[in-house]
Amino acid sequence: GLGVLLLLGLISDSQTSRAWTPDASAILYEKYWKLHGGVEAINNRADGVGNSLLALGAQYGWQLAGMMLIGAALMR
């Protein structure tokens, strides 16, 4: 299990991908929701936060699991 975590850590890329940088259409969309707020804007923002948290868990969950395994081994 720990070997798989080390392998995933070695092949992961540390550079920022284009998925994290907004383009012109995303900026225009955010501007629209900011100016025309309401319940739809709140729902849109909540969906965005939820998607970001899922992506964060998927990307860094294995690192957290590895650190927890190392911590458990050190406690023994």
Protein backbone atom coordinates (compact mmCIF):
# COMPACT_ATOMS: atom_id res chain seq x y z
CA GLY A 1 0.00 0.00 0.00
CA LEU A 2 2.74 2.43 0.94
CA GLY A 3 4.68 1.55 -2.21
CA VAL A 4 1.71 2.54 -4.36
CA LEU A 5 1.48 5.85 -2.53
CA LEU A 6 5.18 6.49 -3.13
CA LEU A 7 4.78 5.61 -6.81
CA LEU A 8 1.85 8.01 -7.19
CA GLY A 9 3.88 10.72 -5.47
CA LEU A 10 6.75 10.25 -7.89
CA ILE A 11 4.62 10.45 -11.03
CA SER A 12 2.51 13.44 -9.94
CA ASP A 13 3.23 16.75 -11.64
CA SER A 14 3.98 19.84 -9.56
CA GLN A 15 3.19 22.39 -12.30
CA THR A 16 -0.09 24.30 -12.40
CA SER A 17 -2.46 23.00 -15.06
CA ARG A 18 -4.62 25.16 -17.32
CA ALA A 19 -7.72 23.81 -15.55
CA TRP A 20 -6.97 26.04 -12.56
CA THR A 21 -6.62 29.28 -14.54
CA PRO A 22 -9.82 30.96 -15.77
CA ASP A 23 -10.26 31.96 -19.39
CA ALA A 24 -12.21 34.93 -20.75
CA SER A 25 -15.55 33.10 -20.83
CA ALA A 26 -15.22 31.98 -17.20
CA ILE A 27 -14.43 35.54 -16.12
CA LEU A 28 -17.44 36.88 -18.06
CA TYR A 29 -19.66 34.20 -16.48
CA GLU A 30 -18.48 35.15 -12.98
CA LYS A 31 -19.09 38.83 -13.74
CA TYR A 32 -22.64 38.02 -14.86
CA TRP A 33 -23.46 36.13 -11.64
CA LYS A 34 -21.89 38.86 -9.51
CA LEU A 35 -23.99 41.58 -11.12
CA HIS A 36 -27.25 39.57 -11.36
CA GLY A 37 -27.03 37.76 -7.97
CA GLY A 38 -29.89 35.99 -6.24
CA VAL A 39 -30.63 32.41 -5.35
CA GLU A 40 -29.24 31.11 -8.64
CA ALA A 41 -25.91 32.80 -7.94
CA ILE A 42 -25.79 31.21 -4.48
CA ASN A 43 -26.58 27.78 -5.95
CA ASN A 44 -23.93 28.27 -8.63
CA ARG A 45 -21.32 29.24 -6.05
CA ALA A 46 -22.24 26.29 -3.80
CA ASP A 47 -21.88 23.90 -6.74
CA GLY A 48 -18.48 25.39 -7.56
CA VAL A 49 -17.27 25.02 -3.97
CA GLY A 50 -18.50 21.43 -3.84
CA ASN A 51 -16.75 20.55 -7.09
CA SER A 52 -13.54 22.18 -5.88
CA LEU A 53 -13.62 20.22 -2.62
CA LEU A 54 -14.16 16.95 -4.50
CA ALA A 55 -11.24 17.73 -6.81
CA LEU A 56 -9.06 18.64 -3.83
CA GLY A 57 -9.89 15.36 -2.10
CA ALA A 58 -9.22 13.35 -5.24
CA GLN A 59 -5.87 15.02 -5.86
CA TYR A 60 -4.48 15.16 -2.34
CA GLY A 61 -6.36 12.38 -0.56
CA TRP A 62 -3.66 9.83 -1.32
CA GLN A 63 -1.03 12.12 0.20
CA LEU A 64 -3.12 12.50 3.34
CA ALA A 65 -3.56 8.73 3.53
CA GLY A 66 0.18 8.22 3.16
CA MET A 67 0.98 10.72 5.89
CA MET A 68 -1.54 9.05 8.17
CA LEU A 69 0.09 5.67 7.52
CA ILE A 70 3.53 7.08 8.27
CA GLY A 71 2.20 8.73 11.44
CA ALA A 72 0.61 5.47 12.57
CA ALA A 73 3.88 3.63 11.94
CA LEU A 74 5.80 6.20 13.97
CA MET A 75 3.34 5.89 16.86
CA ARG A 76 4.04 2.16 17.13
